[in-house]
Amino acid sequence: MRSPRAWLEVVLDANNEAGARAHLAALLHSPLGVYVAQTAFVHGAMRVQLDIAPEDIDFTMHTLISSVPQATIGALRPRIVSRGA
């Protein structure tokens, strides 16, 4: 049986949209790029949602801090999937 997945919210702050996109490019080219599920530029910041397995949390945090130290790490929430889908 597979482990339940989780959403990790990350905010990539920058002075402008170009800076936020540069931070996003760094994240996408890191080993965490495969975990990126959704991105949105909102109020001067790039919001990123990572889809991770619970056993990858340590790796994700370490890699995120070393790859994009400007990132603000947000909430870790369980990913709930509807059975009908």
N, C-alpha and C. Protein backbone atom coordinates (compact mmCIF):
# COMPACT_ATOMS: atom_id res chain seq x y z
N MET A 1 0.84 -1.18 0.00
CA MET A 1 0.00 0.00 0.00
C MET A 1 0.88 1.24 0.00
N ARG A 2 0.53 2.22 -0.83
CA ARG A 2 1.31 3.44 -0.93
C ARG A 2 1.04 4.36 0.25
N SER A 3 2.06 5.12 0.63
CA SER A 3 1.91 6.11 1.69
C SER A 3 1.00 7.24 1.20
N PRO A 4 0.23 7.84 2.11
CA PRO A 4 -0.58 8.98 1.72
C PRO A 4 0.32 10.15 1.34
N ARG A 5 -0.10 10.93 0.38
CA ARG A 5 0.67 12.08 -0.08
C ARG A 5 0.31 13.30 0.75
N ALA A 6 1.14 14.33 0.66
CA ALA A 6 0.90 15.57 1.39
C ALA A 6 1.21 16.76 0.48
N TRP A 7 0.54 17.88 0.75
CA TRP A 7 0.81 19.14 0.06
C TRP A 7 1.72 19.98 0.95
N LEU A 8 2.77 20.54 0.38
CA LEU A 8 3.62 21.49 1.09
C LEU A 8 3.54 22.81 0.34
N GLU A 9 3.11 23.84 1.05
CA GLU A 9 3.00 25.17 0.45
C GLU A 9 4.31 25.93 0.63
N VAL A 10 4.77 26.56 -0.44
CA VAL A 10 6.02 27.32 -0.43
C VAL A 10 5.76 28.65 -1.12
N VAL A 11 6.31 29.73 -0.57
CA VAL A 11 6.20 31.05 -1.19
C VAL A 11 7.60 31.51 -1.56
N LEU A 12 7.77 31.88 -2.82
CA LEU A 12 9.04 32.38 -3.32
C LEU A 12 8.92 33.89 -3.45
N ASP A 13 9.43 34.62 -2.45
CA ASP A 13 9.34 36.08 -2.44
C ASP A 13 10.42 36.69 -3.32
N ALA A 14 10.08 37.81 -3.93
CA ALA A 14 11.04 38.55 -4.75
C ALA A 14 10.54 39.99 -4.86
N ASN A 15 11.40 40.87 -5.35
CA ASN A 15 11.02 42.27 -5.51
C ASN A 15 10.10 42.49 -6.71
N ASN A 16 10.11 41.55 -7.65
CA ASN A 16 9.28 41.68 -8.84
C ASN A 16 8.99 40.30 -9.41
N GLU A 17 8.14 40.28 -10.43
CA GLU A 17 7.75 38.99 -11.02
C GLU A 17 8.94 38.27 -11.64
N ALA A 18 9.85 39.02 -12.26
CA ALA A 18 11.03 38.39 -12.87
C ALA A 18 11.88 37.69 -11.81
N GLY A 19 12.03 38.32 -10.65
CA GLY A 19 12.79 37.70 -9.57
C GLY A 19 12.11 36.44 -9.05
N ALA A 20 10.78 36.51 -8.92
CA ALA A 20 10.03 35.33 -8.46
C ALA A 20 10.14 34.19 -9.46
N ARG A 21 10.11 34.53 -10.73
CA ARG A 21 10.25 33.49 -11.76
C ARG A 21 11.65 32.89 -11.76
N ALA A 22 12.65 33.69 -11.43
CA ALA A 22 14.02 33.17 -11.33
C ALA A 22 14.12 32.17 -10.17
N HIS A 23 13.47 32.48 -9.04
CA HIS A 23 13.45 31.55 -7.91
C HIS A 23 12.72 30.26 -8.30
N LEU A 24 11.62 30.41 -9.05
CA LEU A 24 10.87 29.24 -9.50
C LEU A 24 11.73 28.39 -10.43
N ALA A 25 12.47 29.02 -11.32
CA ALA A 25 13.35 28.27 -12.23
C ALA A 25 14.39 27.48 -11.44
N ALA A 26 14.95 28.10 -10.39
CA ALA A 26 15.92 27.39 -9.54
C ALA A 26 15.27 26.17 -8.89
N LEU A 27 14.03 26.34 -8.42
CA LEU A 27 13.32 25.23 -7.79
C LEU A 27 13.02 24.12 -8.80
N LEU A 28 12.57 24.50 -9.98
CA LEU A 28 12.23 23.51 -11.00
C LEU A 28 13.45 22.74 -11.50
N HIS A 29 14.62 23.36 -11.47
CA HIS A 29 15.84 22.69 -11.92
C HIS A 29 16.55 21.94 -10.79
N SER A 30 16.00 22.01 -9.59
CA SER A 30 16.54 21.25 -8.46
C SER A 30 15.88 19.87 -8.45
N PRO A 31 16.34 18.97 -7.59
CA PRO A 31 15.67 17.66 -7.48
C PRO A 31 14.20 17.77 -7.06
N LEU A 32 13.78 18.92 -6.53
CA LEU A 32 12.38 19.08 -6.11
C LEU A 32 11.45 19.43 -7.27
N GLY A 33 12.00 19.69 -8.44
CA GLY A 33 11.17 20.05 -9.58
C GLY A 33 10.09 19.03 -9.88
N VAL A 34 10.38 17.76 -9.64
CA VAL A 34 9.38 16.71 -9.92
C VAL A 34 8.20 16.75 -8.94
N TYR A 35 8.36 17.43 -7.81
CA TYR A 35 7.29 17.51 -6.82
C TYR A 35 6.35 18.70 -7.04
N VAL A 36 6.71 19.63 -7.93
CA VAL A 36 5.90 20.83 -8.15
C VAL A 36 4.58 20.43 -8.81
N ALA A 37 3.48 20.74 -8.12
CA ALA A 37 2.16 20.38 -8.62
C ALA A 37 1.39 21.59 -9.14
N GLN A 38 1.68 22.77 -8.58
CA GLN A 38 0.93 23.96 -8.97
C GLN A 38 1.74 25.20 -8.65
N THR A 39 1.64 26.22 -9.50
CA THR A 39 2.29 27.51 -9.24
C THR A 39 1.31 28.63 -9.56
N ALA A 40 1.48 29.76 -8.88
CA ALA A 40 0.67 30.94 -9.16
C ALA A 40 1.42 32.17 -8.67
N PHE A 41 1.42 33.23 -9.49
CA PHE A 41 2.02 34.49 -9.07
C PHE A 41 0.92 35.34 -8.47
N VAL A 42 1.00 35.58 -7.15
CA VAL A 42 -0.05 36.29 -6.43
C VAL A 42 0.57 37.35 -5.53
N HIS A 43 0.13 38.60 -5.68
CA HIS A 43 0.57 39.71 -4.82
C HIS A 43 2.09 39.79 -4.70
N GLY A 44 2.78 39.72 -5.81
CA GLY A 44 4.22 39.91 -5.80
C GLY A 44 5.04 38.72 -5.35
N ALA A 45 4.42 37.57 -5.23
CA ALA A 45 5.15 36.37 -4.80
C ALA A 45 4.69 35.17 -5.61
N MET A 46 5.59 34.24 -5.80
CA MET A 46 5.27 32.99 -6.50
C MET A 46 4.87 31.96 -5.45
N ARG A 47 3.63 31.49 -5.54
CA ARG A 47 3.14 30.45 -4.63
C ARG A 47 3.28 29.11 -5.33
N VAL A 48 3.89 28.16 -4.62
CA VAL A 48 4.17 26.84 -5.19
C VAL A 48 3.59 25.79 -4.26
N GLN A 49 2.96 24.79 -4.85
CA GLN A 49 2.45 23.67 -4.07
C GLN A 49 3.23 22.43 -4.49
N LEU A 50 3.87 21.79 -3.51
CA LEU A 50 4.62 20.57 -3.75
C LEU A 50 3.79 19.38 -3.31
N ASP A 51 3.81 18.32 -4.08
CA ASP A 51 3.10 17.08 -3.79
C ASP A 51 4.15 16.05 -3.38
N ILE A 52 4.23 15.77 -2.07
CA ILE A 52 5.31 14.91 -1.57
C ILE A 52 4.76 13.74 -0.76
N ALA A 53 5.59 12.72 -0.64
CA ALA A 53 5.28 11.59 0.24
C ALA A 53 5.83 11.91 1.63
N PRO A 54 5.16 11.46 2.69
CA PRO A 54 5.63 11.76 4.04
C PRO A 54 7.08 11.36 4.29
N GLU A 55 7.52 10.26 3.68
CA GLU A 55 8.90 9.83 3.91
C GLU A 55 9.92 10.73 3.21
N ASP A 56 9.45 11.65 2.36
CA ASP A 56 10.35 12.57 1.65
C ASP A 56 10.44 13.94 2.32
N ILE A 57 9.80 14.13 3.46
CA ILE A 57 9.76 15.46 4.09
C ILE A 57 11.17 15.95 4.45
N ASP A 58 12.00 15.14 5.07
CA ASP A 58 13.36 15.58 5.43
C ASP A 58 14.15 15.99 4.20
N PHE A 59 14.13 15.14 3.17
CA PHE A 59 14.83 15.45 1.92
C PHE A 59 14.30 16.74 1.31
N THR A 60 12.98 16.89 1.30
CA THR A 60 12.36 18.07 0.70
C THR A 60 12.78 19.34 1.42
N MET A 61 12.73 19.34 2.74
CA MET A 61 13.12 20.53 3.52
C MET A 61 14.59 20.88 3.28
N HIS A 62 15.46 19.90 3.37
CA HIS A 62 16.90 20.14 3.19
C HIS A 62 17.17 20.69 1.79
N THR A 63 16.60 20.07 0.78
CA THR A 63 16.83 20.49 -0.60
C THR A 63 16.23 21.86 -0.87
N LEU A 64 15.05 22.12 -0.32
CA LEU A 64 14.41 23.42 -0.51
C LEU A 64 15.25 24.54 0.09
N ILE A 65 15.73 24.34 1.30
CA ILE A 65 16.54 25.36 1.97
C ILE A 65 17.85 25.60 1.23
N SER A 66 18.46 24.54 0.72
CA SER A 66 19.73 24.72 0.01
C SER A 66 19.55 25.23 -1.42
N SER A 67 18.44 24.90 -2.07
CA SER A 67 18.21 25.31 -3.46
C SER A 67 17.64 26.72 -3.58
N VAL A 68 16.70 27.05 -2.71
CA VAL A 68 16.03 28.36 -2.76
C VAL A 68 15.93 28.90 -1.33
N PRO A 69 17.04 29.43 -0.79
CA PRO A 69 17.01 29.89 0.61
C PRO A 69 16.03 31.04 0.85
N GLN A 70 15.58 31.73 -0.20
CA GLN A 70 14.62 32.82 -0.06
C GLN A 70 13.20 32.31 0.16
N ALA A 71 12.98 31.03 0.02
CA ALA A 71 11.63 30.47 0.12
C ALA A 71 11.09 30.54 1.54
N THR A 72 9.80 30.80 1.63
CA THR A 72 9.09 30.73 2.90
C THR A 72 8.30 29.43 2.88
N ILE A 73 8.60 28.57 3.84
CA ILE A 73 7.94 27.26 3.90
C ILE A 73 6.64 27.40 4.67
N GLY A 74 5.57 26.97 4.06
CA GLY A 74 4.25 27.10 4.66
C GLY A 74 3.76 25.80 5.25
N ALA A 75 2.46 25.64 5.18
CA ALA A 75 1.80 24.50 5.83
C ALA A 75 2.02 23.19 5.07
N LEU A 76 2.10 22.12 5.84
CA LEU A 76 2.12 20.76 5.32
C LEU A 76 0.75 20.16 5.62
N ARG A 77 0.00 19.83 4.56
CA ARG A 77 -1.35 19.33 4.74
C ARG A 77 -1.51 17.98 4.05
N PRO A 78 -2.35 17.11 4.60
CA PRO A 78 -2.60 15.84 3.91
C PRO A 78 -3.32 16.09 2.59
N ARG A 79 -2.96 15.31 1.61
CA ARG A 79 -3.63 15.39 0.31
C ARG A 79 -4.79 14.42 0.33
N ILE A 80 -5.98 14.94 0.20
CA ILE A 80 -7.18 14.12 0.24
C ILE A 80 -7.67 13.92 -1.18
N VAL A 81 -7.79 12.68 -1.58
CA VAL A 81 -8.23 12.33 -2.93
C VAL A 81 -9.62 11.72 -2.83
N SER A 82 -10.53 12.21 -3.66
CA SER A 82 -11.88 11.63 -3.64
C SER A 82 -11.86 10.26 -4.29
N ARG A 83 -12.60 9.35 -3.74
CA ARG A 83 -12.63 7.96 -4.22
C ARG A 83 -13.31 7.84 -5.58
N GLY A 84 -14.19 8.78 -5.91
CA GLY A 84 -14.93 8.70 -7.16
C GLY A 84 -14.12 9.10 -8.38
N ALA A 85 -12.96 9.69 -8.19
CA ALA A 85 -12.16 10.17 -9.33
C ALA A 85 -11.35 9.08 -9.96
